[in-house]
Amino acid sequence: KRSFLMLSFLISLLSYPFILNAVLASFFGSIISATAGTYITTNRFSYVAGSIAHSLLFGLGLFRFLQVKTGNYFFNPLNGAILSGIFFGIIIGFVMHSKKERVDTLLSAIWATGMSLGLLFIFLTPGYNQELMRYLFGNILLIGKTELCIIGIFDFFLILIFLLFYNKIMAISFDSDFASIRGVNGKAFSIVFLLIIIISVILLTQLVGVVMVIALLTLPSSIALKFTNNQKKAIPLAFLVSLVTSLAGLFASYIFDLPSSAMIILILGFIYLLSGLAGTLKSRVKSS
């Protein structure tokens, strides 16, 4: 029976382009999870990524409201998400470098305010906002060729940045003050990676939605870092974790007719809990 289900899934993969697109999106999205996600996890920027992700709802809701009211295509919710991410990202970057305000307080304010404004505009928008539901909870099966090309291009530049500046990135991650003494421009790198976080969140939102994007960004790298402290090894391991769980989620959603994005995150979360349990048991065995 299992082999029949797998064969059926493979036939559907070849027969329906949207399933193939979802598989390719899983592959490209896993590259983002492995590279940007490992940087976020190592530097403990998950709250920054989460704040940006949930603040996107402001742009999504506002532009959907304006789109319905004006009929202007420019007010596409995705354009709103991009502008919202850049706007709040600039605020976060300014405060992080000025150090005039507690960053955690600011992130909480952006997280809550962005979501509240977004929900307000969604409520004020006439009709059923089915398109916004996609951005809220994601639907990897709706990824088209254009989105795949954009994610693929971003992956290329992301890999290039890590290959060219890996040592400097690691130096800043572990000791930014020492890296500055050695001539590394930490401020420039932090701005670049803040932009990377914003773009990563926006692109992965199309796969799993605003609500669950932070899990796809941080859990694969968190799982990988439980098995190795070497980031060179953690990045490919995080890629494999993200890719396998994404494909498993697609397969499970195909079999049980359940939402793909939810199944991907559910499997990923389950593996994270198992890895944490395995790490705890291993520590107890060593101590005894």
C-alpha atoms as a PDB file:
ATOM      1  CA  LYS A   1       0.000   0.000   0.000  1.00  0.00           C
ATOM      2  CA  ARG A   2       2.826   2.413   0.866  1.00  0.00           C
ATOM      3  CA  SER A   3       4.577   1.726  -2.433  1.00  0.00           C
ATOM      4  CA  PHE A   4       1.286   2.324  -4.266  1.00  0.00           C
ATOM      5  CA  LEU A   5       0.819   5.678  -2.541  1.00  0.00           C
ATOM      6  CA  MET A   6       4.376   6.686  -3.342  1.00  0.00           C
ATOM      7  CA  LEU A   7       3.933   5.651  -6.971  1.00  0.00           C
ATOM      8  CA  SER A   8       0.683   7.619  -7.136  1.00  0.00           C
ATOM      9  CA  PHE A   9       2.446  10.678  -5.724  1.00  0.00           C
ATOM     10  CA  LEU A  10       5.281  10.380  -8.273  1.00  0.00           C
ATOM     11  CA  ILE A  11       2.779  10.043 -11.135  1.00  0.00           C
ATOM     12  CA  SER A  12       0.966  13.166  -9.893  1.00  0.00           C
ATOM     13  CA  LEU A  13       4.320  14.920  -9.665  1.00  0.00           C
ATOM     14  CA  LEU A  14       4.888  14.293 -13.366  1.00  0.00           C
ATOM     15  CA  SER A  15       1.279  14.937 -14.361  1.00  0.00           C
ATOM     16  CA  TYR A  16       0.483  18.152 -12.486  1.00  0.00           C
ATOM     17  CA  PRO A  17       2.863  21.120 -12.837  1.00  0.00           C
ATOM     18  CA  PHE A  18       1.708  22.724  -9.573  1.00  0.00           C
ATOM     19  CA  ILE A  19       2.964  19.699  -7.583  1.00  0.00           C
ATOM     20  CA  LEU A  20       6.327  19.854  -9.350  1.00  0.00           C
ATOM     21  CA  ASN A  21       6.475  23.584  -8.610  1.00  0.00           C
ATOM     22  CA  ALA A  22       5.817  22.829  -4.941  1.00  0.00           C
ATOM     23  CA  VAL A  23       8.708  20.334  -4.879  1.00  0.00           C
ATOM     24  CA  LEU A  24      11.030  22.869  -6.522  1.00  0.00           C
ATOM     25  CA  ALA A  25       9.839  25.524  -4.062  1.00  0.00           C
ATOM     26  CA  SER A  26      10.704  23.127  -1.227  1.00  0.00           C
ATOM     27  CA  PHE A  27      14.218  22.780  -2.644  1.00  0.00           C
ATOM     28  CA  PHE A  28      14.765  26.515  -3.131  1.00  0.00           C
ATOM     29  CA  GLY A  29      13.142  27.364   0.205  1.00  0.00           C
ATOM     30  CA  SER A  30      15.427  24.873   1.965  1.00  0.00           C
ATOM     31  CA  ILE A  31      18.463  26.810   0.732  1.00  0.00           C
ATOM     32  CA  ILE A  32      17.106  29.935   2.429  1.00  0.00           C
ATOM     33  CA  SER A  33      16.337  27.986   5.614  1.00  0.00           C
ATOM     34  CA  ALA A  34      19.844  26.541   5.682  1.00  0.00           C
ATOM     35  CA  THR A  35      21.822  29.725   4.990  1.00  0.00           C
ATOM     36  CA  ALA A  36      19.825  32.692   6.296  1.00  0.00           C
ATOM     37  CA  GLY A  37      18.197  30.467   8.929  1.00  0.00           C
ATOM     38  CA  THR A  38      21.544  29.357  10.363  1.00  0.00           C
ATOM     39  CA  TYR A  39      22.696  32.985  10.577  1.00  0.00           C
ATOM     40  CA  ILE A  40      19.443  33.951  12.321  1.00  0.00           C
ATOM     41  CA  THR A  41      19.678  31.071  14.793  1.00  0.00           C
ATOM     42  CA  THR A  42      23.372  31.581  15.572  1.00  0.00           C
ATOM     43  CA  ASN A  43      22.929  35.302  16.186  1.00  0.00           C
ATOM     44  CA  ARG A  44      19.646  34.798  18.072  1.00  0.00           C
ATOM     45  CA  PHE A  45      17.766  36.974  15.598  1.00  0.00           C
ATOM     46  CA  SER A  46      14.667  34.768  15.522  1.00  0.00           C
ATOM     47  CA  TYR A  47      12.674  37.460  17.322  1.00  0.00           C
ATOM     48  CA  VAL A  48      13.799  39.976  14.684  1.00  0.00           C
ATOM     49  CA  ALA A  49      12.622  37.636  11.902  1.00  0.00           C
ATOM     50  CA  GLY A  50       9.353  36.947  13.736  1.00  0.00           C
ATOM     51  CA  SER A  51       8.704  40.647  14.243  1.00  0.00           C
ATOM     52  CA  ILE A  52       9.294  41.409  10.563  1.00  0.00           C
ATOM     53  CA  ALA A  53       7.147  38.442   9.493  1.00  0.00           C
ATOM     54  CA  HIS A  54       4.135  39.500  11.545  1.00  0.00           C
ATOM     55  CA  SER A  55       4.525  43.172  10.650  1.00  0.00           C
ATOM     56  CA  LEU A  56       4.057  42.176   6.989  1.00  0.00           C
ATOM     57  CA  LEU A  57       0.383  41.788   7.800  1.00  0.00           C
ATOM     58  CA  PHE A  58       0.118  45.589   7.952  1.00  0.00           C
ATOM     59  CA  GLY A  59       1.241  45.956   4.319  1.00  0.00           C
ATOM     60  CA  LEU A  60      -0.814  42.971   3.187  1.00  0.00           C
ATOM     61  CA  GLY A  61      -4.007  44.264   4.782  1.00  0.00           C
ATOM     62  CA  LEU A  62      -3.504  47.909   3.755  1.00  0.00           C
ATOM     63  CA  PHE A  63      -2.753  47.148   0.113  1.00  0.00           C
ATOM     64  CA  ARG A  64      -5.599  44.648  -0.163  1.00  0.00           C
ATOM     65  CA  PHE A  65      -7.942  47.322   1.231  1.00  0.00           C
ATOM     66  CA  LEU A  66      -6.634  49.890  -1.282  1.00  0.00           C
ATOM     67  CA  GLN A  67      -6.800  47.356  -4.123  1.00  0.00           C
ATOM     68  CA  VAL A  68     -10.481  46.664  -3.494  1.00  0.00           C
ATOM     69  CA  LYS A  69     -11.282  50.366  -3.082  1.00  0.00           C
ATOM     70  CA  THR A  70      -9.340  51.670  -6.094  1.00  0.00           C
ATOM     71  CA  GLY A  71      -9.039  48.664  -8.401  1.00  0.00           C
ATOM     72  CA  ASN A  72      -5.377  49.593  -8.981  1.00  0.00           C
ATOM     73  CA  TYR A  73      -3.150  46.533  -9.577  1.00  0.00           C
ATOM     74  CA  PHE A  74      -0.163  48.257  -7.932  1.00  0.00           C
ATOM     75  CA  PHE A  75      -1.870  47.691  -4.598  1.00  0.00           C
ATOM     76  CA  ASN A  76      -1.097  43.977  -4.788  1.00  0.00           C
ATOM     77  CA  PRO A  77      -0.812  42.553  -1.244  1.00  0.00           C
ATOM     78  CA  LEU A  78       2.682  41.229  -2.023  1.00  0.00           C
ATOM     79  CA  ASN A  79       3.862  44.767  -2.892  1.00  0.00           C
ATOM     80  CA  GLY A  80       2.415  45.898   0.409  1.00  0.00           C
ATOM     81  CA  ALA A  81       4.302  43.156   2.236  1.00  0.00           C
ATOM     82  CA  ILE A  82       7.574  44.208   0.593  1.00  0.00           C
ATOM     83  CA  LEU A  83       7.135  47.884   1.491  1.00  0.00           C
ATOM     84  CA  SER A  84       6.007  47.008   5.005  1.00  0.00           C
ATOM     85  CA  GLY A  85       9.014  44.733   5.534  1.00  0.00           C
ATOM     86  CA  ILE A  86      11.440  47.408   4.312  1.00  0.00           C
ATOM     87  CA  PHE A  87       9.769  50.104   6.436  1.00  0.00           C
ATOM     88  CA  PHE A  88       9.847  48.145   9.692  1.00  0.00           C
ATOM     89  CA  GLY A  89      13.267  46.713   8.840  1.00  0.00           C
ATOM     90  CA  ILE A  90      14.709  50.240   8.598  1.00  0.00           C
ATOM     91  CA  ILE A  91      13.234  51.084  12.005  1.00  0.00           C
ATOM     92  CA  ILE A  92      14.686  47.910  13.550  1.00  0.00           C
ATOM     93  CA  GLY A  93      18.086  48.516  11.973  1.00  0.00           C
ATOM     94  CA  PHE A  94      18.207  52.127  13.163  1.00  0.00           C
ATOM     95  CA  VAL A  95      17.302  51.231  16.756  1.00  0.00           C
ATOM     96  CA  MET A  96      19.710  48.274  16.862  1.00  0.00           C
ATOM     97  CA  HIS A  97      22.608  50.565  15.934  1.00  0.00           C
ATOM     98  CA  SER A  98      21.583  53.657  17.882  1.00  0.00           C
ATOM     99  CA  LYS A  99      20.905  51.632  21.064  1.00  0.00           C
ATOM    100  CA  LYS A 100      18.618  54.382  22.342  1.00  0.00           C
ATOM    101  CA  GLU A 101      15.743  51.968  22.897  1.00  0.00           C
ATOM    102  CA  ARG A 102      15.462  48.410  24.164  1.00  0.00           C
ATOM    103  CA  VAL A 103      15.424  46.267  21.026  1.00  0.00           C
ATOM    104  CA  ASP A 104      13.188  43.565  22.527  1.00  0.00           C
ATOM    105  CA  THR A 105      10.580  46.185  23.478  1.00  0.00           C
ATOM    106  CA  LEU A 106      10.667  47.663  19.984  1.00  0.00           C
ATOM    107  CA  LEU A 107      10.323  44.237  18.352  1.00  0.00           C
ATOM    108  CA  SER A 108       7.319  43.424  20.526  1.00  0.00           C
ATOM    109  CA  ALA A 109       5.718  46.752  19.592  1.00  0.00           C
ATOM    110  CA  ILE A 110       6.312  46.207  15.859  1.00  0.00           C
ATOM    111  CA  TRP A 111       5.066  42.609  16.078  1.00  0.00           C
ATOM    112  CA  ALA A 112       1.813  43.598  17.814  1.00  0.00           C
ATOM    113  CA  THR A 113       1.199  46.904  16.005  1.00  0.00           C
ATOM    114  CA  GLY A 114       1.840  45.475  12.537  1.00  0.00           C
ATOM    115  CA  MET A 115      -0.531  42.576  13.114  1.00  0.00           C
ATOM    116  CA  SER A 116      -3.201  44.769  14.674  1.00  0.00           C
ATOM    117  CA  LEU A 117      -3.171  47.274  11.809  1.00  0.00           C
ATOM    118  CA  GLY A 118      -3.227  44.452   9.274  1.00  0.00           C
ATOM    119  CA  LEU A 119      -6.204  42.767  10.912  1.00  0.00           C
ATOM    120  CA  LEU A 120      -7.979  46.132  11.081  1.00  0.00           C
ATOM    121  CA  PHE A 121      -7.620  46.712   7.333  1.00  0.00           C
ATOM    122  CA  ILE A 122      -8.643  43.111   6.589  1.00  0.00           C
ATOM    123  CA  PHE A 123     -11.797  43.696   8.629  1.00  0.00           C
ATOM    124  CA  LEU A 124     -12.535  46.947   6.757  1.00  0.00           C
ATOM    125  CA  THR A 125     -12.029  45.352   3.321  1.00  0.00           C
ATOM    126  CA  PRO A 126     -15.341  44.349   1.680  1.00  0.00           C
ATOM    127  CA  GLY A 127     -15.834  40.748   0.563  1.00  0.00           C
ATOM    128  CA  TYR A 128     -14.011  37.538   1.359  1.00  0.00           C
ATOM    129  CA  ASN A 129     -10.246  38.012   1.368  1.00  0.00           C
ATOM    130  CA  GLN A 130      -9.220  34.604   0.109  1.00  0.00           C
ATOM    131  CA  GLU A 131      -5.967  35.938  -1.329  1.00  0.00           C
ATOM    132  CA  LEU A 132      -4.886  37.204   2.074  1.00  0.00           C
ATOM    133  CA  MET A 133      -5.536  33.780   3.594  1.00  0.00           C
ATOM    134  CA  ARG A 134      -2.771  32.472   1.359  1.00  0.00           C
ATOM    135  CA  TYR A 135      -0.298  34.950   2.838  1.00  0.00           C
ATOM    136  CA  LEU A 136      -1.501  34.308   6.368  1.00  0.00           C
ATOM    137  CA  PHE A 137      -1.284  30.518   6.300  1.00  0.00           C
ATOM    138  CA  GLY A 138       0.583  29.888   3.058  1.00  0.00           C
ATOM    139  CA  ASN A 139      -0.074  27.520   0.179  1.00  0.00           C
ATOM    140  CA  ILE A 140       3.013  26.046  -1.408  1.00  0.00           C
ATOM    141  CA  LEU A 141       0.832  24.469  -4.103  1.00  0.00           C
ATOM    142  CA  LEU A 142       0.088  27.943  -5.522  1.00  0.00           C
ATOM    143  CA  ILE A 143       3.729  28.771  -6.194  1.00  0.00           C
ATOM    144  CA  GLY A 144       4.179  29.615  -9.887  1.00  0.00           C
ATOM    145  CA  LYS A 145       7.138  29.853 -12.240  1.00  0.00           C
ATOM    146  CA  THR A 146       7.652  33.557 -11.542  1.00  0.00           C
ATOM    147  CA  GLU A 147       7.935  32.983  -7.787  1.00  0.00           C
ATOM    148  CA  LEU A 148      10.293  30.053  -8.390  1.00  0.00           C
ATOM    149  CA  CYS A 149      12.563  32.226 -10.537  1.00  0.00           C
ATOM    150  CA  ILE A 150      12.658  34.979  -7.904  1.00  0.00           C
ATOM    151  CA  ILE A 151      13.456  32.537  -5.090  1.00  0.00           C
ATOM    152  CA  GLY A 152      16.082  30.822  -7.256  1.00  0.00           C
ATOM    153  CA  ILE A 153      17.831  34.121  -8.056  1.00  0.00           C
ATOM    154  CA  PHE A 154      17.805  35.080  -4.380  1.00  0.00           C
ATOM    155  CA  ASP A 155      19.269  31.656  -3.511  1.00  0.00           C
ATOM    156  CA  PHE A 156      22.094  32.240  -5.984  1.00  0.00           C
ATOM    157  CA  PHE A 157      23.083  35.554  -4.404  1.00  0.00           C
ATOM    158  CA  LEU A 158      22.663  34.124  -0.903  1.00  0.00           C
ATOM    159  CA  ILE A 159      25.033  31.227  -1.646  1.00  0.00           C
ATOM    160  CA  LEU A 160      27.474  33.640  -3.303  1.00  0.00           C
ATOM    161  CA  ILE A 161      27.516  35.899  -0.227  1.00  0.00           C
ATOM    162  CA  PHE A 162      28.188  32.960   2.090  1.00  0.00           C
ATOM    163  CA  LEU A 163      30.948  31.575  -0.144  1.00  0.00           C
ATOM    164  CA  LEU A 164      32.732  34.928  -0.501  1.00  0.00           C
ATOM    165  CA  PHE A 165      32.326  36.264   3.044  1.00  0.00           C
ATOM    166  CA  TYR A 166      31.886  33.145   5.181  1.00  0.00           C
ATOM    167  CA  ASN A 167      34.845  33.835   7.510  1.00  0.00           C
ATOM    168  CA  LYS A 168      33.777  37.446   8.079  1.00  0.00           C
ATOM    169  CA  ILE A 169      30.189  36.369   8.702  1.00  0.00           C
ATOM    170  CA  MET A 170      31.370  33.846  11.294  1.00  0.00           C
ATOM    171  CA  ALA A 171      33.666  36.405  12.931  1.00  0.00           C
ATOM    172  CA  ILE A 172      30.801  38.874  13.326  1.00  0.00           C
ATOM    173  CA  SER A 173      28.457  36.144  14.571  1.00  0.00           C
ATOM    174  CA  PHE A 174      30.755  35.018  17.394  1.00  0.00           C
ATOM    175  CA  ASP A 175      32.555  38.242  18.365  1.00  0.00           C
ATOM    176  CA  SER A 176      31.523  41.441  16.583  1.00  0.00           C
ATOM    177  CA  ASP A 177      33.897  43.630  18.631  1.00  0.00           C
ATOM    178  CA  PHE A 178      36.919  41.502  17.766  1.00  0.00           C
ATOM    179  CA  ALA A 179      35.823  41.406  14.118  1.00  0.00           C
ATOM    180  CA  SER A 180      35.675  45.223  14.085  1.00  0.00           C
ATOM    181  CA  ILE A 181      39.220  45.405  15.463  1.00  0.00           C
ATOM    182  CA  ARG A 182      40.340  43.127  12.618  1.00  0.00           C
ATOM    183  CA  GLY A 183      38.858  45.570  10.103  1.00  0.00           C
ATOM    184  CA  VAL A 184      35.522  43.881   9.389  1.00  0.00           C
ATOM    185  CA  ASN A 185      32.755  46.425   8.794  1.00  0.00           C
ATOM    186  CA  GLY A 186      30.182  44.952  11.151  1.00  0.00           C
ATOM    187  CA  LYS A 187      27.640  47.714  10.522  1.00  0.00           C
ATOM    188  CA  ALA A 188      27.627  47.104   6.761  1.00  0.00           C
ATOM    189  CA  PHE A 189      27.274  43.351   7.227  1.00  0.00           C
ATOM    190  CA  SER A 190      24.442  43.771   9.717  1.00  0.00           C
ATOM    191  CA  ILE A 191      22.553  46.011   7.260  1.00  0.00           C
ATOM    192  CA  VAL A 192      23.061  43.482   4.457  1.00  0.00           C
ATOM    193  CA  PHE A 193      21.840  40.619   6.622  1.00  0.00           C
ATOM    194  CA  LEU A 194      18.887  42.609   7.867  1.00  0.00           C
ATOM    195  CA  LEU A 195      17.885  42.985   4.208  1.00  0.00           C
ATOM    196  CA  ILE A 196      18.490  39.253   3.724  1.00  0.00           C
ATOM    197  CA  ILE A 197      16.210  38.480   6.676  1.00  0.00           C
ATOM    198  CA  ILE A 198      13.477  40.737   5.250  1.00  0.00           C
ATOM    199  CA  ILE A 199      13.666  39.165   1.778  1.00  0.00           C
ATOM    200  CA  SER A 200      13.856  35.640   3.218  1.00  0.00           C
ATOM    201  CA  VAL A 201      10.750  36.225   5.322  1.00  0.00           C
ATOM    202  CA  ILE A 202       8.803  37.673   2.373  1.00  0.00           C
ATOM    203  CA  LEU A 203       9.727  34.803   0.033  1.00  0.00           C
ATOM    204  CA  LEU A 204       9.109  32.010   2.545  1.00  0.00           C
ATOM    205  CA  THR A 205       5.804  33.617   3.519  1.00  0.00           C
ATOM    206  CA  GLN A 206       4.518  32.536   0.119  1.00  0.00           C
ATOM    207  CA  LEU A 207       5.333  28.931   1.039  1.00  0.00           C
ATOM    208  CA  VAL A 208       4.022  28.621   4.604  1.00  0.00           C
ATOM    209  CA  GLY A 209       2.436  31.983   5.437  1.00  0.00           C
ATOM    210  CA  VAL A 210       3.101  34.775   7.918  1.00  0.00           C
ATOM    211  CA  VAL A 211       1.955  32.691  10.874  1.00  0.00           C
ATOM    212  CA  MET A 212       4.398  29.807  10.328  1.00  0.00           C
ATOM    213  CA  VAL A 213       7.328  31.342   8.439  1.00  0.00           C
ATOM    214  CA  ILE A 214       9.490  31.772  11.531  1.00  0.00           C
ATOM    215  CA  ALA A 215       9.391  28.000  12.090  1.00  0.00           C
ATOM    216  CA  LEU A 216      10.633  27.271   8.562  1.00  0.00           C
ATOM    217  CA  LEU A 217      13.422  29.821   8.998  1.00  0.00           C
ATOM    218  CA  THR A 218      14.734  28.695  12.375  1.00  0.00           C
ATOM    219  CA  LEU A 219      13.811  25.078  13.143  1.00  0.00           C
ATOM    220  CA  PRO A 220      15.950  23.325  10.463  1.00  0.00           C
ATOM    221  CA  SER A 221      19.083  25.159  11.608  1.00  0.00           C
ATOM    222  CA  SER A 222      18.162  24.644  15.270  1.00  0.00           C
ATOM    223  CA  ILE A 223      17.869  20.900  14.649  1.00  0.00           C
ATOM    224  CA  ALA A 224      21.178  20.836  12.769  1.00  0.00           C
ATOM    225  CA  LEU A 225      22.999  22.769  15.514  1.00  0.00           C
ATOM    226  CA  LYS A 226      21.889  20.162  18.065  1.00  0.00           C
ATOM    227  CA  PHE A 227      24.095  17.622  16.279  1.00  0.00           C
ATOM    228  CA  THR A 228      27.092  19.812  15.400  1.00  0.00           C
ATOM    229  CA  ASN A 229      28.662  23.052  16.570  1.00  0.00           C
ATOM    230  CA  ASN A 230      30.415  23.506  13.243  1.00  0.00           C
ATOM    231  CA  GLN A 231      28.432  25.890  11.063  1.00  0.00           C
ATOM    232  CA  LYS A 232      30.034  24.563   7.881  1.00  0.00           C
ATOM    233  CA  LYS A 233      28.476  21.210   8.708  1.00  0.00           C
ATOM    234  CA  ALA A 234      25.272  22.710  10.138  1.00  0.00           C
ATOM    235  CA  ILE A 235      24.299  24.520   6.914  1.00  0.00           C
ATOM    236  CA  PRO A 236      24.104  21.425   4.637  1.00  0.00           C
ATOM    237  CA  LEU A 237      22.506  19.437   7.461  1.00  0.00           C
ATOM    238  CA  ALA A 238      19.864  22.162   7.916  1.00  0.00           C
ATOM    239  CA  PHE A 239      19.248  22.065   4.169  1.00  0.00           C
ATOM    240  CA  LEU A 240      18.609  18.301   4.287  1.00  0.00           C
ATOM    241  CA  VAL A 241      16.305  18.651   7.312  1.00  0.00           C
ATOM    242  CA  SER A 242      14.285  21.402   5.634  1.00  0.00           C
ATOM    243  CA  LEU A 243      14.071  19.607   2.280  1.00  0.00           C
ATOM    244  CA  VAL A 244      13.117  16.199   3.730  1.00  0.00           C
ATOM    245  CA  THR A 245      10.461  17.649   6.038  1.00  0.00           C
ATOM    246  CA  SER A 246       9.043  19.796   3.225  1.00  0.00           C
ATOM    247  CA  LEU A 247       8.774  16.820   0.884  1.00  0.00           C
ATOM    248  CA  ALA A 248       7.344  14.677   3.690  1.00  0.00           C
ATOM    249  CA  GLY A 249       4.765  17.386   4.394  1.00  0.00           C
ATOM    250  CA  LEU A 250       3.782  17.510   0.727  1.00  0.00           C
ATOM    251  CA  PHE A 251       3.468  13.727   0.611  1.00  0.00           C
ATOM    252  CA  ALA A 252       1.389  13.648   3.811  1.00  0.00           C
ATOM    253  CA  SER A 253      -0.917  16.394   2.551  1.00  0.00           C
ATOM    254  CA  TYR A 254      -1.355  14.465  -0.712  1.00  0.00           C
ATOM    255  CA  ILE A 255      -2.301  11.253   1.113  1.00  0.00           C
ATOM    256  CA  PHE A 256      -4.587  12.723   3.768  1.00  0.00           C
ATOM    257  CA  ASP A 257      -5.879  15.734   1.771  1.00  0.00           C
ATOM    258  CA  LEU A 258      -4.657  18.234   4.379  1.00  0.00           C
ATOM    259  CA  PRO A 259      -3.062  21.707   4.044  1.00  0.00           C
ATOM    260  CA  SER A 260       0.512  21.320   2.786  1.00  0.00           C
ATOM    261  CA  SER A 261       2.015  24.212   4.746  1.00  0.00           C
ATOM    262  CA  ALA A 262       0.550  23.021   8.039  1.00  0.00           C
ATOM    263  CA  MET A 263       1.818  19.471   7.467  1.00  0.00           C
ATOM    264  CA  ILE A 264       5.335  20.709   6.660  1.00  0.00           C
ATOM    265  CA  ILE A 265       5.572  22.746   9.859  1.00  0.00           C
ATOM    266  CA  LEU A 266       3.929  20.003  11.918  1.00  0.00           C
ATOM    267  CA  ILE A 267       6.512  17.429  10.802  1.00  0.00           C
ATOM    268  CA  LEU A 268       9.323  19.941  11.278  1.00  0.00           C
ATOM    269  CA  GLY A 269       8.133  20.760  14.798  1.00  0.00           C
ATOM    270  CA  PHE A 270       7.843  17.059  15.658  1.00  0.00           C
ATOM    271  CA  ILE A 271      11.416  16.402  14.518  1.00  0.00           C
ATOM    272  CA  TYR A 272      12.616  19.410  16.520  1.00  0.00           C
ATOM    273  CA  LEU A 273      10.998  18.028  19.673  1.00  0.00           C
ATOM    274  CA  LEU A 274      12.497  14.589  19.014  1.00  0.00           C
ATOM    275  CA  SER A 275      15.963  16.072  18.486  1.00  0.00           C
ATOM    276  CA  GLY A 276      15.637  18.015  21.739  1.00  0.00           C
ATOM    277  CA  LEU A 277      14.586  14.873  23.582  1.00  0.00           C
ATOM    278  CA  ALA A 278      17.478  12.925  22.039  1.00  0.00           C
ATOM    279  CA  GLY A 279      19.911  15.652  23.122  1.00  0.00           C
ATOM    280  CA  THR A 280      18.570  15.594  26.699  1.00  0.00           C
ATOM    281  CA  LEU A 281      18.862  11.800  26.926  1.00  0.00           C
ATOM    282  CA  LYS A 282      22.385  11.929  25.503  1.00  0.00           C
ATOM    283  CA  SER A 283      23.430  14.508  28.110  1.00  0.00           C
ATOM    284  CA  ARG A 284      21.992  12.412  30.932  1.00  0.00           C
ATOM    285  CA  VAL A 285      23.789   9.304  29.716  1.00  0.00           C
ATOM    286  CA  LYS A 286      27.103  11.172  29.589  1.00  0.00           C
ATOM    287  CA  SER A 287      26.615  12.672  33.063  1.00  0.00           C
ATOM    288  CA  SER A 288      25.769   9.285  34.572  1.00  0.00           C
END
